[in-house]
Amino acid sequence: MSQNSKLVVIGGDAAGMTARNIMDLDLSYAPPFSPVWDPVQIAARKLV
């Protein structure tokens, strides 16, 4: 899991977000740092 993905999970948990909330986050796309679809958002889509 990338550092960015860990931050999304930690932040979502601290904010009390559900899988649907995480799925709907508007995360920035920066090719050197993250893929087009964040792995956490892909996992959240599978849960919903």
C-alpha atoms as a PDB file:
ATOM      1  CA  MET A   1       0.000   0.000   0.000  1.00  0.00           C
ATOM      2  CA  SER A   2       1.426   3.390  -0.957  1.00  0.00           C
ATOM      3  CA  GLN A   3       1.935   6.230   1.506  1.00  0.00           C
ATOM      4  CA  ASN A   4      -0.898   8.180  -0.146  1.00  0.00           C
ATOM      5  CA  SER A   5      -3.285   5.241   0.239  1.00  0.00           C
ATOM      6  CA  LYS A   6      -2.399   4.897   3.918  1.00  0.00           C
ATOM      7  CA  LEU A   7      -3.188   8.578   4.466  1.00  0.00           C
ATOM      8  CA  VAL A   8      -6.576   8.182   2.770  1.00  0.00           C
ATOM      9  CA  VAL A   9      -7.438   5.215   5.008  1.00  0.00           C
ATOM     10  CA  ILE A  10      -6.245   6.929   8.202  1.00  0.00           C
ATOM     11  CA  GLY A  11      -8.005  10.196   7.359  1.00  0.00           C
ATOM     12  CA  GLY A  12     -11.215   8.432   6.387  1.00  0.00           C
ATOM     13  CA  ASP A  13     -11.219   6.415   9.592  1.00  0.00           C
ATOM     14  CA  ALA A  14     -10.553   9.484  11.741  1.00  0.00           C
ATOM     15  CA  ALA A  15     -13.430  11.319  10.031  1.00  0.00           C
ATOM     16  CA  GLY A  16     -15.802   8.372  10.458  1.00  0.00           C
ATOM     17  CA  MET A  17     -16.204   7.891   6.698  1.00  0.00           C
ATOM     18  CA  THR A  18     -17.971   4.917   5.179  1.00  0.00           C
ATOM     19  CA  ALA A  19     -16.768   3.001   2.113  1.00  0.00           C
ATOM     20  CA  ARG A  20     -19.228   5.040   0.024  1.00  0.00           C
ATOM     21  CA  ASN A  21     -17.746   8.300   1.367  1.00  0.00           C
ATOM     22  CA  ILE A  22     -14.217   7.157   0.532  1.00  0.00           C
ATOM     23  CA  MET A  23     -15.338   6.029  -2.914  1.00  0.00           C
ATOM     24  CA  ASP A  24     -16.680   9.538  -3.608  1.00  0.00           C
ATOM     25  CA  LEU A  25     -13.547  11.429  -2.497  1.00  0.00           C
ATOM     26  CA  ASP A  26     -12.051  13.742  -5.079  1.00  0.00           C
ATOM     27  CA  LEU A  27      -8.382  12.790  -4.874  1.00  0.00           C
ATOM     28  CA  SER A  28      -5.817  14.615  -6.978  1.00  0.00           C
ATOM     29  CA  TYR A  29      -4.081  12.847  -9.840  1.00  0.00           C
ATOM     30  CA  ALA A  30      -0.318  13.312  -9.870  1.00  0.00           C
ATOM     31  CA  PRO A  31       1.428  10.711 -12.067  1.00  0.00           C
ATOM     32  CA  PRO A  32       4.691  10.632 -10.088  1.00  0.00           C
ATOM     33  CA  PHE A  33       2.828  10.028  -6.816  1.00  0.00           C
ATOM     34  CA  SER A  34      -0.383   8.152  -7.502  1.00  0.00           C
ATOM     35  CA  PRO A  35      -2.195   6.217 -10.236  1.00  0.00           C
ATOM     36  CA  VAL A  36      -5.345   7.462 -11.972  1.00  0.00           C
ATOM     37  CA  TRP A  37      -7.516   5.343  -9.648  1.00  0.00           C
ATOM     38  CA  ASP A  38      -6.376   5.164  -6.024  1.00  0.00           C
ATOM     39  CA  PRO A  39      -6.247   1.546  -4.762  1.00  0.00           C
ATOM     40  CA  VAL A  40      -8.272   2.526  -1.680  1.00  0.00           C
ATOM     41  CA  GLN A  41     -11.073   3.914  -3.838  1.00  0.00           C
ATOM     42  CA  ILE A  42     -11.027   0.739  -5.966  1.00  0.00           C
ATOM     43  CA  ALA A  43     -11.388  -1.358  -2.783  1.00  0.00           C
ATOM     44  CA  ALA A  44     -14.219   0.896  -1.560  1.00  0.00           C
ATOM     45  CA  ARG A  45     -16.066   0.381  -4.849  1.00  0.00           C
ATOM     46  CA  LYS A  46     -15.806  -3.400  -4.348  1.00  0.00           C
ATOM     47  CA  LEU A  47     -17.335  -3.064  -0.866  1.00  0.00           C
ATOM     48  CA  VAL A  48     -20.295  -0.967  -1.982  1.00  0.00           C
END
